[in-house]
Amino acid sequence: QVQLVESGGGSVQSGASLRLSCAASGFGFSRYAMGWFRQAPGEERKLVAAISWSGDSTYYVDSVKGRFTISRDNAKMSVYLQMNNLKPEDTAVYSCARRTRPGGSEVDESTDFGSWGQGTQVTVSS
């Protein structure tokens, strides 16, 4: 059974940093690309960043490029999202997700994800 448990969210001021973690279990983590999504109140869930199974390919939505960094540790079955220079518009519930199928050397905005975690709240005040 796929389990994804996020942690590291919180309430911070503009310009601050947070590091989100996602602990995975119940599947062959090292074989799957992983992603971080966010959903703000009244909006659809959107892909923010993704990383291939090897870590060699990453994707970022334009609004976070240069501020967010996705990484993974396959030995620890974990994926991370380092968020720097946070802005109020980054406020959302952040969830990690597993790609629907294993493998694949590249990730981009069209990568298909499923099996989301419960999420962790990030609130950025100005």
PDB file of N, CA and C in Angstrom:
ATOM      1  N   GLN A   1       0.846  -1.195   0.000  1.00  0.00           N
ATOM      2  CA  GLN A   1       0.000   0.000   0.000  1.00  0.00           C
ATOM      3  C   GLN A   1       0.880   1.243   0.000  1.00  0.00           C
ATOM      4  N   VAL A   2       0.628   2.121  -0.973  1.00  0.00           N
ATOM      5  CA  VAL A   2       1.420   3.341  -1.083  1.00  0.00           C
ATOM      6  C   VAL A   2       1.088   4.283   0.070  1.00  0.00           C
ATOM      7  N   GLN A   3       2.143   4.745   0.762  1.00  0.00           N
ATOM      8  CA  GLN A   3       1.955   5.759   1.797  1.00  0.00           C
ATOM      9  C   GLN A   3       2.946   6.877   1.580  1.00  0.00           C
ATOM     10  N   LEU A   4       2.447   8.104   1.635  1.00  0.00           N
ATOM     11  CA  LEU A   4       3.279   9.293   1.495  1.00  0.00           C
ATOM     12  C   LEU A   4       2.922  10.234   2.632  1.00  0.00           C
ATOM     13  N   VAL A   5       3.915  10.595   3.439  1.00  0.00           N
ATOM     14  CA  VAL A   5       3.660  11.426   4.607  1.00  0.00           C
ATOM     15  C   VAL A   5       4.551  12.660   4.552  1.00  0.00           C
ATOM     16  N   GLU A   6       3.896  13.810   4.424  1.00  0.00           N
ATOM     17  CA  GLU A   6       4.612  15.075   4.318  1.00  0.00           C
ATOM     18  C   GLU A   6       4.825  15.704   5.694  1.00  0.00           C
ATOM     19  N   SER A   7       5.878  16.497   5.795  1.00  0.00           N
ATOM     20  CA  SER A   7       6.148  17.260   7.013  1.00  0.00           C
ATOM     21  C   SER A   7       6.972  18.486   6.658  1.00  0.00           C
ATOM     22  N   GLY A   8       7.064  19.413   7.588  1.00  0.00           N
ATOM     23  CA  GLY A   8       7.924  20.572   7.408  1.00  0.00           C
ATOM     24  C   GLY A   8       7.224  21.870   7.098  1.00  0.00           C
ATOM     25  N   GLY A   9       5.910  21.830   6.951  1.00  0.00           N
ATOM     26  CA  GLY A   9       5.186  23.062   6.687  1.00  0.00           C
ATOM     27  C   GLY A   9       5.150  23.970   7.905  1.00  0.00           C
ATOM     28  N   GLY A  10       4.600  25.157   7.721  1.00  0.00           N
ATOM     29  CA  GLY A  10       4.495  26.088   8.828  1.00  0.00           C
ATOM     30  C   GLY A  10       4.077  27.458   8.366  1.00  0.00           C
ATOM     31  N   SER A  11       4.083  28.397   9.307  1.00  0.00           N
ATOM     32  CA  SER A  11       3.732  29.787   9.021  1.00  0.00           C
ATOM     33  C   SER A  11       4.982  30.633   9.127  1.00  0.00           C
ATOM     34  N   VAL A  12       5.322  31.332   8.050  1.00  0.00           N
ATOM     35  CA  VAL A  12       6.536  32.137   8.003  1.00  0.00           C
ATOM     36  C   VAL A  12       6.230  33.484   7.357  1.00  0.00           C
ATOM     37  N   GLN A  13       7.201  34.371   7.427  1.00  0.00           N
ATOM     38  CA  GLN A  13       7.061  35.677   6.781  1.00  0.00           C
ATOM     39  C   GLN A  13       7.720  35.652   5.409  1.00  0.00           C
ATOM     40  N   SER A  14       7.357  36.601   4.593  1.00  0.00           N
ATOM     41  CA  SER A  14       7.967  36.735   3.264  1.00  0.00           C
ATOM     42  C   SER A  14       9.476  36.742   3.371  1.00  0.00           C
ATOM     43  N   GLY A  15      10.111  36.025   2.440  1.00  0.00           N
ATOM     44  CA  GLY A  15      11.557  35.961   2.410  1.00  0.00           C
ATOM     45  C   GLY A  15      12.160  34.808   3.191  1.00  0.00           C
ATOM     46  N   ALA A  16      11.337  34.148   3.989  1.00  0.00           N
ATOM     47  CA  ALA A  16      11.836  33.039   4.798  1.00  0.00           C
ATOM     48  C   ALA A  16      11.990  31.770   3.959  1.00  0.00           C
ATOM     49  N   SER A  17      12.542  30.749   4.594  1.00  0.00           N
ATOM     50  CA  SER A  17      12.747  29.454   3.930  1.00  0.00           C
ATOM     51  C   SER A  17      12.072  28.347   4.730  1.00  0.00           C
ATOM     52  N   LEU A  18      11.657  27.314   4.012  1.00  0.00           N
ATOM     53  CA  LEU A  18      11.137  26.095   4.623  1.00  0.00           C
ATOM     54  C   LEU A  18      11.639  24.911   3.820  1.00  0.00           C
ATOM     55  N   ARG A  19      11.799  23.787   4.487  1.00  0.00           N
ATOM     56  CA  ARG A  19      12.155  22.557   3.797  1.00  0.00           C
ATOM     57  C   ARG A  19      11.084  21.506   4.087  1.00  0.00           C
ATOM     58  N   LEU A  20      10.401  21.104   3.027  1.00  0.00           N
ATOM     59  CA  LEU A  20       9.382  20.072   3.152  1.00  0.00           C
ATOM     60  C   LEU A  20      10.007  18.695   2.917  1.00  0.00           C
ATOM     61  N   SER A  21       9.507  17.726   3.645  1.00  0.00           N
ATOM     62  CA  SER A  21       9.954  16.342   3.478  1.00  0.00           C
ATOM     63  C   SER A  21       8.760  15.448   3.205  1.00  0.00           C
ATOM     64  N   CYS A  22       8.992  14.394   2.455  1.00  0.00           N
ATOM     65  CA  CYS A  22       7.954  13.410   2.177  1.00  0.00           C
ATOM     66  C   CYS A  22       8.564  12.026   2.362  1.00  0.00           C
ATOM     67  N   ALA A  23       8.054  11.290   3.336  1.00  0.00           N
ATOM     68  CA  ALA A  23       8.530   9.936   3.597  1.00  0.00           C
ATOM     69  C   ALA A  23       7.615   8.941   2.902  1.00  0.00           C
ATOM     70  N   ALA A  24       8.199   8.087   2.089  1.00  0.00           N
ATOM     71  CA  ALA A  24       7.423   7.128   1.297  1.00  0.00           C
ATOM     72  C   ALA A  24       7.576   5.716   1.839  1.00  0.00           C
ATOM     73  N   SER A  25       6.550   4.916   1.654  1.00  0.00           N
ATOM     74  CA  SER A  25       6.608   3.504   2.012  1.00  0.00           C
ATOM     75  C   SER A  25       5.579   2.736   1.201  1.00  0.00           C
ATOM     76  N   GLY A  26       5.757   1.416   1.143  1.00  0.00           N
ATOM     77  CA  GLY A  26       4.773   0.568   0.492  1.00  0.00           C
ATOM     78  C   GLY A  26       4.980   0.335  -0.991  1.00  0.00           C
ATOM     79  N   PHE A  27       6.075   0.855  -1.554  1.00  0.00           N
ATOM     80  CA  PHE A  27       6.361   0.635  -2.977  1.00  0.00           C
ATOM     81  C   PHE A  27       7.854   0.817  -3.215  1.00  0.00           C
ATOM     82  N   GLY A  28       8.299   0.440  -4.415  1.00  0.00           N
ATOM     83  CA  GLY A  28       9.703   0.572  -4.775  1.00  0.00           C
ATOM     84  C   GLY A  28      10.079   2.005  -5.077  1.00  0.00           C
ATOM     85  N   PHE A  29      10.315   2.781  -4.065  1.00  0.00           N
ATOM     86  CA  PHE A  29      10.505   4.230  -4.195  1.00  0.00           C
ATOM     87  C   PHE A  29      11.537   4.598  -5.257  1.00  0.00           C
ATOM     88  N   SER A  30      12.653   3.903  -5.294  1.00  0.00           N
ATOM     89  CA  SER A  30      13.745   4.287  -6.186  1.00  0.00           C
ATOM     90  C   SER A  30      13.400   4.114  -7.654  1.00  0.00           C
ATOM     91  N   ARG A  31      12.282   3.475  -7.964  1.00  0.00           N
ATOM     92  CA  ARG A  31      11.891   3.247  -9.351  1.00  0.00           C
ATOM     93  C   ARG A  31      10.948   4.309  -9.897  1.00  0.00           C
ATOM     94  N   TYR A  32      10.485   5.196  -9.033  1.00  0.00           N
ATOM     95  CA  TYR A  32       9.432   6.128  -9.431  1.00  0.00           C
ATOM     96  C   TYR A  32       9.870   7.577  -9.375  1.00  0.00           C
ATOM     97  N   ALA A  33       9.443   8.336 -10.392  1.00  0.00           N
ATOM     98  CA  ALA A  33       9.546   9.786 -10.298  1.00  0.00           C
ATOM     99  C   ALA A  33       8.580  10.273  -9.229  1.00  0.00           C
ATOM    100  N   MET A  34       8.939  11.387  -8.604  1.00  0.00           N
ATOM    101  CA  MET A  34       8.120  11.966  -7.541  1.00  0.00           C
ATOM    102  C   MET A  34       7.865  13.443  -7.835  1.00  0.00           C
ATOM    103  N   GLY A  35       6.791  13.944  -7.279  1.00  0.00           N
ATOM    104  CA  GLY A  35       6.462  15.339  -7.500  1.00  0.00           C
ATOM    105  C   GLY A  35       5.929  16.012  -6.246  1.00  0.00           C
ATOM    106  N   TRP A  36       6.011  17.324  -6.248  1.00  0.00           N
ATOM    107  CA  TRP A  36       5.376  18.143  -5.211  1.00  0.00           C
ATOM    108  C   TRP A  36       4.289  18.982  -5.876  1.00  0.00           C
ATOM    109  N   PHE A  37       3.104  18.946  -5.300  1.00  0.00           N
ATOM    110  CA  PHE A  37       1.974  19.721  -5.767  1.00  0.00           C
ATOM    111  C   PHE A  37       1.576  20.715  -4.681  1.00  0.00           C
ATOM    112  N   ARG A  38       0.833  21.743  -5.066  1.00  0.00           N
ATOM    113  CA  ARG A  38       0.251  22.630  -4.081  1.00  0.00           C
ATOM    114  C   ARG A  38      -1.147  23.018  -4.500  1.00  0.00           C
ATOM    115  N   GLN A  39      -1.960  23.259  -3.484  1.00  0.00           N
ATOM    116  CA  GLN A  39      -3.340  23.677  -3.725  1.00  0.00           C
ATOM    117  C   GLN A  39      -3.691  24.810  -2.770  1.00  0.00           C
ATOM    118  N   ALA A  40      -3.973  25.963  -3.365  1.00  0.00           N
ATOM    119  CA  ALA A  40      -4.406  27.124  -2.595  1.00  0.00           C
ATOM    120  C   ALA A  40      -5.930  27.094  -2.487  1.00  0.00           C
ATOM    121  N   PRO A  41      -6.492  27.764  -1.486  1.00  0.00           N
ATOM    122  CA  PRO A  41      -7.952  27.773  -1.318  1.00  0.00           C
ATOM    123  C   PRO A  41      -8.658  28.236  -2.585  1.00  0.00           C
ATOM    124  N   GLY A  42      -9.645  27.474  -3.027  1.00  0.00           N
ATOM    125  CA  GLY A  42     -10.415  27.839  -4.194  1.00  0.00           C
ATOM    126  C   GLY A  42      -9.745  27.580  -5.522  1.00  0.00           C
ATOM    127  N   GLU A  43      -8.573  26.967  -5.489  1.00  0.00           N
ATOM    128  CA  GLU A  43      -7.839  26.693  -6.728  1.00  0.00           C
ATOM    129  C   GLU A  43      -7.626  25.202  -6.902  1.00  0.00           C
ATOM    130  N   GLU A  44      -7.281  24.828  -8.131  1.00  0.00           N
ATOM    131  CA  GLU A  44      -6.962  23.444  -8.418  1.00  0.00           C
ATOM    132  C   GLU A  44      -5.554  23.108  -7.915  1.00  0.00           C
ATOM    133  N   ARG A  45      -5.357  21.816  -7.657  1.00  0.00           N
ATOM    134  CA  ARG A  45      -4.023  21.353  -7.300  1.00  0.00           C
ATOM    135  C   ARG A  45      -3.105  21.452  -8.526  1.00  0.00           C
ATOM    136  N   LYS A  46      -1.889  21.990  -8.302  1.00  0.00           N
ATOM    137  CA  LYS A  46      -0.970  22.211  -9.415  1.00  0.00           C
ATOM    138  C   LYS A  46       0.402  21.626  -9.108  1.00  0.00           C
ATOM    139  N   LEU A  47       1.032  21.107 -10.131  1.00  0.00           N
ATOM    140  CA  LEU A  47       2.393  20.594  -9.997  1.00  0.00           C
ATOM    141  C   LEU A  47       3.366  21.752  -9.818  1.00  0.00           C
ATOM    142  N   VAL A  48       4.191  21.656  -8.811  1.00  0.00           N
ATOM    143  CA  VAL A  48       5.187  22.690  -8.522  1.00  0.00           C
ATOM    144  C   VAL A  48       6.576  22.247  -8.967  1.00  0.00           C
ATOM    145  N   ALA A  49       6.920  21.004  -8.656  1.00  0.00           N
ATOM    146  CA  ALA A  49       8.252  20.489  -8.974  1.00  0.00           C
ATOM    147  C   ALA A  49       8.189  18.976  -9.093  1.00  0.00           C
ATOM    148  N   ALA A  50       9.085  18.427  -9.881  1.00  0.00           N
ATOM    149  CA  ALA A  50       9.144  16.978 -10.056  1.00  0.00           C
ATOM    150  C   ALA A  50      10.590  16.547 -10.221  1.00  0.00           C
ATOM    151  N   ILE A  51      10.839  15.274  -9.897  1.00  0.00           N
ATOM    152  CA  ILE A  51      12.191  14.732 -10.009  1.00  0.00           C
ATOM    153  C   ILE A  51      12.089  13.298 -10.496  1.00  0.00           C
ATOM    154  N   SER A  52      12.959  12.946 -11.427  1.00  0.00           N
ATOM    155  CA  SER A  52      12.949  11.589 -11.969  1.00  0.00           C
ATOM    156  C   SER A  52      13.433  10.585 -10.925  1.00  0.00           C
ATOM    157  N   TRP A  53      13.279   9.303 -11.211  1.00  0.00           N
ATOM    158  CA  TRP A  53      13.663   8.267 -10.252  1.00  0.00           C
ATOM    159  C   TRP A  53      15.134   8.346  -9.900  1.00  0.00           C
ATOM    160  N   SER A  54      15.964   8.775 -10.874  1.00  0.00           N
ATOM    161  CA  SER A  54      17.409   8.842 -10.651  1.00  0.00           C
ATOM    162  C   SER A  54      17.844  10.177 -10.054  1.00  0.00           C
ATOM    163  N   GLY A  55      16.964  11.169 -10.162  1.00  0.00           N
ATOM    164  CA  GLY A  55      17.337  12.509  -9.734  1.00  0.00           C
ATOM    165  C   GLY A  55      17.999  13.328 -10.819  1.00  0.00           C
ATOM    166  N   ASP A  56      18.209  12.726 -11.992  1.00  0.00           N
ATOM    167  CA  ASP A  56      18.925  13.416 -13.066  1.00  0.00           C
ATOM    168  C   ASP A  56      18.062  14.448 -13.794  1.00  0.00           C
ATOM    169  N   SER A  57      16.771  14.276 -13.735  1.00  0.00           N
ATOM    170  CA  SER A  57      15.856  15.200 -14.409  1.00  0.00           C
ATOM    171  C   SER A  57      14.949  15.848 -13.379  1.00  0.00           C
ATOM    172  N   THR A  58      14.830  17.163 -13.475  1.00  0.00           N
ATOM    173  CA  THR A  58      13.914  17.899 -12.600  1.00  0.00           C
ATOM    174  C   THR A  58      13.064  18.856 -13.426  1.00  0.00           C
ATOM    175  N   TYR A  59      11.932  19.211 -12.861  1.00  0.00           N
ATOM    176  CA  TYR A  59      11.020  20.171 -13.491  1.00  0.00           C
ATOM    177  C   TYR A  59      10.531  21.135 -12.413  1.00  0.00           C
ATOM    178  N   TYR A  60      10.382  22.406 -12.797  1.00  0.00           N
ATOM    179  CA  TYR A  60       9.819  23.411 -11.903  1.00  0.00           C
ATOM    180  C   TYR A  60       8.824  24.263 -12.679  1.00  0.00           C
ATOM    181  N   VAL A  61       7.731  24.597 -12.043  1.00  0.00           N
ATOM    182  CA  VAL A  61       6.829  25.574 -12.634  1.00  0.00           C
ATOM    183  C   VAL A  61       7.537  26.924 -12.617  1.00  0.00           C
ATOM    184  N   ASP A  62       7.246  27.758 -13.575  1.00  0.00           N
ATOM    185  CA  ASP A  62       7.978  29.024 -13.738  1.00  0.00           C
ATOM    186  C   ASP A  62       7.989  29.878 -12.465  1.00  0.00           C
ATOM    187  N   SER A  63       6.890  29.881 -11.734  1.00  0.00           N
ATOM    188  CA  SER A  63       6.770  30.777 -10.586  1.00  0.00           C
ATOM    189  C   SER A  63       7.707  30.433  -9.429  1.00  0.00           C
ATOM    190  N   VAL A  64       8.301  29.240  -9.435  1.00  0.00           N
ATOM    191  CA  VAL A  64       9.197  28.871  -8.333  1.00  0.00           C
ATOM    192  C   VAL A  64      10.635  28.661  -8.781  1.00  0.00           C
ATOM    193  N   LYS A  65      10.882  28.778 -10.071  1.00  0.00           N
ATOM    194  CA  LYS A  65      12.251  28.572 -10.566  1.00  0.00           C
ATOM    195  C   LYS A  65      13.208  29.552  -9.904  1.00  0.00           C
ATOM    196  N   GLY A  66      14.350  29.018  -9.466  1.00  0.00           N
ATOM    197  CA  GLY A  66      15.348  29.842  -8.801  1.00  0.00           C
ATOM    198  C   GLY A  66      15.114  30.002  -7.313  1.00  0.00           C
ATOM    199  N   ARG A  67      13.940  29.592  -6.815  1.00  0.00           N
ATOM    200  CA  ARG A  67      13.634  29.710  -5.381  1.00  0.00           C
ATOM    201  C   ARG A  67      13.454  28.336  -4.726  1.00  0.00           C
ATOM    202  N   PHE A  68      12.878  27.385  -5.443  1.00  0.00           N
ATOM    203  CA  PHE A  68      12.605  26.046  -4.902  1.00  0.00           C
ATOM    204  C   PHE A  68      13.572  25.041  -5.507  1.00  0.00           C
ATOM    205  N   THR A  69      13.935  24.039  -4.704  1.00  0.00           N
ATOM    206  CA  THR A  69      14.782  22.950  -5.175  1.00  0.00           C
ATOM    207  C   THR A  69      14.216  21.615  -4.698  1.00  0.00           C
ATOM    208  N   ILE A  70      13.972  20.725  -5.643  1.00  0.00           N
ATOM    209  CA  ILE A  70      13.502  19.387  -5.302  1.00  0.00           C
ATOM    210  C   ILE A  70      14.690  18.437  -5.286  1.00  0.00           C
ATOM    211  N   SER A  71      14.688  17.511  -4.338  1.00  0.00           N
ATOM    212  CA  SER A  71      15.751  16.518  -4.251  1.00  0.00           C
ATOM    213  C   SER A  71      15.183  15.230  -3.669  1.00  0.00           C
ATOM    214  N   ARG A  72      15.944  14.173  -3.745  1.00  0.00           N
ATOM    215  CA  ARG A  72      15.476  12.900  -3.205  1.00  0.00           C
ATOM    216  C   ARG A  72      16.650  12.109  -2.646  1.00  0.00           C
ATOM    217  N   ASP A  73      16.329  11.226  -1.716  1.00  0.00           N
ATOM    218  CA  ASP A  73      17.307  10.306  -1.146  1.00  0.00           C
ATOM    219  C   ASP A  73      16.679   8.926  -1.247  1.00  0.00           C
ATOM    220  N   ASN A  74      17.086   8.157  -2.238  1.00  0.00           N
ATOM    221  CA  ASN A  74      16.447   6.861  -2.456  1.00  0.00           C
ATOM    222  C   ASN A  74      16.721   5.891  -1.311  1.00  0.00           C
ATOM    223  N   ALA A  75      17.873   6.021  -0.658  1.00  0.00           N
ATOM    224  CA  ALA A  75      18.179   5.142   0.470  1.00  0.00           C
ATOM    225  C   ALA A  75      17.231   5.402   1.641  1.00  0.00           C
ATOM    226  N   LYS A  76      16.801   6.648   1.791  1.00  0.00           N
ATOM    227  CA  LYS A  76      15.884   7.011   2.878  1.00  0.00           C
ATOM    228  C   LYS A  76      14.433   7.024   2.420  1.00  0.00           C
ATOM    229  N   MET A  77      14.209   6.709   1.132  1.00  0.00           N
ATOM    230  CA  MET A  77      12.853   6.702   0.581  1.00  0.00           C
ATOM    231  C   MET A  77      12.145   8.015   0.872  1.00  0.00           C
ATOM    232  N   SER A  78      12.820   9.100   0.560  1.00  0.00           N
ATOM    233  CA  SER A  78      12.286  10.420   0.855  1.00  0.00           C
ATOM    234  C   SER A  78      12.541  11.391  -0.289  1.00  0.00           C
ATOM    235  N   VAL A  79      11.634  12.334  -0.420  1.00  0.00           N
ATOM    236  CA  VAL A  79      11.785  13.427  -1.376  1.00  0.00           C
ATOM    237  C   VAL A  79      11.593  14.732  -0.608  1.00  0.00           C
ATOM    238  N   TYR A  80      12.321  15.753  -1.042  1.00  0.00           N
ATOM    239  CA  TYR A  80      12.355  17.013  -0.316  1.00  0.00           C
ATOM    240  C   TYR A  80      12.044  18.179  -1.241  1.00  0.00           C
ATOM    241  N   LEU A  81      11.575  19.266  -0.652  1.00  0.00           N
ATOM    242  CA  LEU A  81      11.378  20.507  -1.383  1.00  0.00           C
ATOM    243  C   LEU A  81      11.931  21.642  -0.534  1.00  0.00           C
ATOM    244  N   GLN A  82      13.072  22.158  -0.948  1.00  0.00           N
ATOM    245  CA  GLN A  82      13.659  23.320  -0.287  1.00  0.00           C
ATOM    246  C   GLN A  82      13.049  24.573  -0.891  1.00  0.00           C
ATOM    247  N   MET A  83      12.428  25.394  -0.069  1.00  0.00           N
ATOM    248  CA  MET A  83      11.735  26.583  -0.550  1.00  0.00           C
ATOM    249  C   MET A  83      12.390  27.805   0.070  1.00  0.00           C
ATOM    250  N   ASN A  84      12.989  28.622  -0.771  1.00  0.00           N
ATOM    251  CA  ASN A  84      13.655  29.845  -0.315  1.00  0.00           C
ATOM    252  C   ASN A  84      12.912  31.069  -0.810  1.00  0.00           C
ATOM    253  N   ASN A  85      13.152  32.197  -0.160  1.00  0.00           N
ATOM    254  CA  ASN A  85      12.539  33.464  -0.558  1.00  0.00           C
ATOM    255  C   ASN A  85      11.024  33.306  -0.758  1.00  0.00           C
ATOM    256  N   LEU A  86      10.376  32.750   0.231  1.00  0.00           N
ATOM    257  CA  LEU A  86       8.942  32.492   0.120  1.00  0.00           C
ATOM    258  C   LEU A  86       8.139  33.774  -0.017  1.00  0.00           C
ATOM    259  N   LYS A  87       7.059  33.688  -0.783  1.00  0.00           N
ATOM    260  CA  LYS A  87       6.190  34.815  -1.049  1.00  0.00           C
ATOM    261  C   LYS A  87       4.765  34.469  -0.595  1.00  0.00           C
ATOM    262  N   PRO A  88       3.931  35.472  -0.319  1.00  0.00           N
ATOM    263  CA  PRO A  88       2.540  35.175   0.078  1.00  0.00           C
ATOM    264  C   PRO A  88       1.804  34.295  -0.917  1.00  0.00           C
ATOM    265  N   GLU A  89       2.107  34.436  -2.194  1.00  0.00           N
ATOM    266  CA  GLU A  89       1.430  33.616  -3.213  1.00  0.00           C
ATOM    267  C   GLU A  89       1.856  32.156  -3.188  1.00  0.00           C
ATOM    268  N   ASP A  90       2.853  31.820  -2.363  1.00  0.00           N
ATOM    269  CA  ASP A  90       3.236  30.415  -2.184  1.00  0.00           C
ATOM    270  C   ASP A  90       2.351  29.722  -1.135  1.00  0.00           C
ATOM    271  N   THR A  91       1.492  30.472  -0.476  1.00  0.00           N
ATOM    272  CA  THR A  91       0.610  29.896   0.544  1.00  0.00           C
ATOM    273  C   THR A  91      -0.299  28.842  -0.069  1.00  0.00           C
ATOM    274  N   ALA A  92      -0.262  27.628   0.488  1.00  0.00           N
ATOM    275  CA  ALA A  92      -1.045  26.513  -0.042  1.00  0.00           C
ATOM    276  C   ALA A  92      -0.804  25.274   0.811  1.00  0.00           C
ATOM    277  N   VAL A  93      -1.587  24.251   0.544  1.00  0.00           N
ATOM    278  CA  VAL A  93      -1.291  22.916   1.079  1.00  0.00           C
ATOM    279  C   VAL A  93      -0.402  22.219   0.062  1.00  0.00           C
ATOM    280  N   TYR A  94       0.748  21.752   0.526  1.00  0.00           N
ATOM    281  CA  TYR A  94       1.726  21.088  -0.336  1.00  0.00           C
ATOM    282  C   TYR A  94       1.663  19.577  -0.111  1.00  0.00           C
ATOM    283  N   SER A  95       1.572  18.852  -1.224  1.00  0.00           N
ATOM    284  CA  SER A  95       1.484  17.388  -1.167  1.00  0.00           C
ATOM    285  C   SER A  95       2.519  16.766  -2.090  1.00  0.00           C
ATOM    286  N   CYS A  96       3.057  15.650  -1.672  1.00  0.00           N
ATOM    287  CA  CYS A  96       3.928  14.921  -2.589  1.00  0.00           C
ATOM    288  C   CYS A  96       3.117  13.824  -3.281  1.00  0.00           C
ATOM    289  N   ALA A  97       3.616  13.380  -4.411  1.00  0.00           N
ATOM    290  CA  ALA A  97       2.895  12.389  -5.202  1.00  0.00           C
ATOM    291  C   ALA A  97       3.876  11.490  -5.938  1.00  0.00           C
ATOM    292  N   ARG A  98       3.409  10.307  -6.226  1.00  0.00           N
ATOM    293  CA  ARG A  98       4.203   9.345  -6.967  1.00  0.00           C
ATOM    294  C   ARG A  98       3.711   9.272  -8.402  1.00  0.00           C
ATOM    295  N   ARG A  99       4.662   9.148  -9.332  1.00  0.00           N
ATOM    296  CA  ARG A  99       4.268   8.943 -10.726  1.00  0.00           C
ATOM    297  C   ARG A  99       3.446   7.660 -10.830  1.00  0.00           C
ATOM    298  N   THR A 100       2.529   7.638 -11.792  1.00  0.00           N
ATOM    299  CA  THR A 100       1.614   6.501 -11.903  1.00  0.00           C
ATOM    300  C   THR A 100       2.314   5.222 -12.338  1.00  0.00           C
ATOM    301  N   ARG A 101       3.453   5.342 -12.999  1.00  0.00           N
ATOM    302  CA  ARG A 101       4.173   4.147 -13.435  1.00  0.00           C
ATOM    303  C   ARG A 101       5.668   4.325 -13.174  1.00  0.00           C
ATOM    304  N   PRO A 102       6.401   3.242 -12.993  1.00  0.00           N
ATOM    305  CA  PRO A 102       7.841   3.357 -12.715  1.00  0.00           C
ATOM    306  C   PRO A 102       8.635   3.722 -13.959  1.00  0.00           C
ATOM    307  N   GLY A 103       9.894   4.101 -13.730  1.00  0.00           N
ATOM    308  CA  GLY A 103      10.798   4.378 -14.830  1.00  0.00           C
ATOM    309  C   GLY A 103      10.615   5.771 -15.404  1.00  0.00           C
ATOM    310  N   GLY A 104      11.111   5.919 -16.641  1.00  0.00           N
ATOM    311  CA  GLY A 104      11.041   7.218 -17.297  1.00  0.00           C
ATOM    312  C   GLY A 104      12.225   8.071 -16.897  1.00  0.00           C
ATOM    313  N   SER A 105      12.958   8.562 -17.873  1.00  0.00           N
ATOM    314  CA  SER A 105      14.178   9.310 -17.579  1.00  0.00           C
ATOM    315  C   SER A 105      13.944  10.805 -17.433  1.00  0.00           C
ATOM    316  N   GLU A 106      12.791  11.270 -17.897  1.00  0.00           N
ATOM    317  CA  GLU A 106      12.523  12.702 -17.878  1.00  0.00           C
ATOM    318  C   GLU A 106      11.220  13.000 -17.143  1.00  0.00           C
ATOM    319  N   VAL A 107      11.155  14.178 -16.557  1.00  0.00           N
ATOM    320  CA  VAL A 107       9.913  14.664 -15.965  1.00  0.00           C
ATOM    321  C   VAL A 107       9.637  16.055 -16.524  1.00  0.00           C
ATOM    322  N   ASP A 108       8.349  16.348 -16.684  1.00  0.00           N
ATOM    323  CA  ASP A 108       7.954  17.689 -17.115  1.00  0.00           C
ATOM    324  C   ASP A 108       6.518  17.935 -16.671  1.00  0.00           C
ATOM    325  N   GLU A 109       5.901  18.996 -17.182  1.00  0.00           N
ATOM    326  CA  GLU A 109       4.562  19.366 -16.734  1.00  0.00           C
ATOM    327  C   GLU A 109       3.508  18.351 -17.114  1.00  0.00           C
ATOM    328  N   SER A 110       3.834  17.451 -18.025  1.00  0.00           N
ATOM    329  CA  SER A 110       2.861  16.453 -18.455  1.00  0.00           C
ATOM    330  C   SER A 110       3.011  15.112 -17.755  1.00  0.00           C
ATOM    331  N   THR A 111       3.992  14.997 -16.870  1.00  0.00           N
ATOM    332  CA  THR A 111       4.198  13.734 -16.158  1.00  0.00           C
ATOM    333  C   THR A 111       2.946  13.397 -15.351  1.00  0.00           C
ATOM    334  N   ASP A 112       2.538  12.136 -15.413  1.00  0.00           N
ATOM    335  CA  ASP A 112       1.302  11.690 -14.785  1.00  0.00           C
ATOM    336  C   ASP A 112       1.563  11.198 -13.357  1.00  0.00           C
ATOM    337  N   PHE A 113       0.909  11.829 -12.389  1.00  0.00           N
ATOM    338  CA  PHE A 113       1.097  11.466 -10.988  1.00  0.00           C
ATOM    339  C   PHE A 113      -0.187  10.962 -10.354  1.00  0.00           C
ATOM    340  N   GLY A 114      -0.029  10.150  -9.305  1.00  0.00           N
ATOM    341  CA  GLY A 114      -1.168   9.688  -8.525  1.00  0.00           C
ATOM    342  C   GLY A 114      -0.703   9.394  -7.116  1.00  0.00           C
ATOM    343  N   SER A 115      -1.556   8.885  -6.270  1.00  0.00           N
ATOM    344  CA  SER A 115      -1.189   8.490  -4.901  1.00  0.00           C
ATOM    345  C   SER A 115      -0.606   9.647  -4.099  1.00  0.00           C
ATOM    346  N   TRP A 116      -1.380  10.698  -3.945  1.00  0.00           N
ATOM    347  CA  TRP A 116      -0.930  11.876  -3.182  1.00  0.00           C
ATOM    348  C   TRP A 116      -0.961  11.596  -1.686  1.00  0.00           C
ATOM    349  N   GLY A 117      -0.100  12.330  -0.955  1.00  0.00           N
ATOM    350  CA  GLY A 117      -0.148  12.295   0.494  1.00  0.00           C
ATOM    351  C   GLY A 117      -1.213  13.257   1.003  1.00  0.00           C
ATOM    352  N   GLN A 118      -1.307  13.375   2.340  1.00  0.00           N
ATOM    353  CA  GLN A 118      -2.334  14.226   2.946  1.00  0.00           C
ATOM    354  C   GLN A 118      -2.009  15.700   2.829  1.00  0.00           C
ATOM    355  N   GLY A 119      -0.732  16.011   2.752  1.00  0.00           N
ATOM    356  CA  GLY A 119      -0.328  17.396   2.585  1.00  0.00           C
ATOM    357  C   GLY A 119       0.118  18.060   3.865  1.00  0.00           C
ATOM    358  N   THR A 120       0.834  19.171   3.700  1.00  0.00           N
ATOM    359  CA  THR A 120       1.284  19.994   4.820  1.00  0.00           C
ATOM    360  C   THR A 120       1.054  21.452   4.456  1.00  0.00           C
ATOM    361  N   GLN A 121       0.545  22.217   5.399  1.00  0.00           N
ATOM    362  CA  GLN A 121       0.171  23.612   5.144  1.00  0.00           C
ATOM    363  C   GLN A 121       1.392  24.521   5.191  1.00  0.00           C
ATOM    364  N   VAL A 122       1.503  25.368   4.189  1.00  0.00           N
ATOM    365  CA  VAL A 122       2.513  26.428   4.165  1.00  0.00           C
ATOM    366  C   VAL A 122       1.780  27.749   4.070  1.00  0.00           C
ATOM    367  N   THR A 123       2.040  28.625   5.025  1.00  0.00           N
ATOM    368  CA  THR A 123       1.411  29.948   5.046  1.00  0.00           C
ATOM    369  C   THR A 123       2.501  31.001   5.104  1.00  0.00           C
ATOM    370  N   VAL A 124       2.475  31.911   4.133  1.00  0.00           N
ATOM    371  CA  VAL A 124       3.471  32.966   4.055  1.00  0.00           C
ATOM    372  C   VAL A 124       2.773  34.306   4.197  1.00  0.00           C
ATOM    373  N   SER A 125       3.172  35.064   5.186  1.00  0.00           N
ATOM    374  CA  SER A 125       2.566  36.381   5.415  1.00  0.00           C
ATOM    375  C   SER A 125       3.520  37.478   4.964  1.00  0.00           C
ATOM    376  N   SER A 126       2.928  38.580   4.545  1.00  0.00           N
ATOM    377  CA  SER A 126       3.741  39.695   4.025  1.00  0.00           C
ATOM    378  C   SER A 126       4.194  40.615   5.136  1.00  0.00           C
TER     379      SER A 126
END
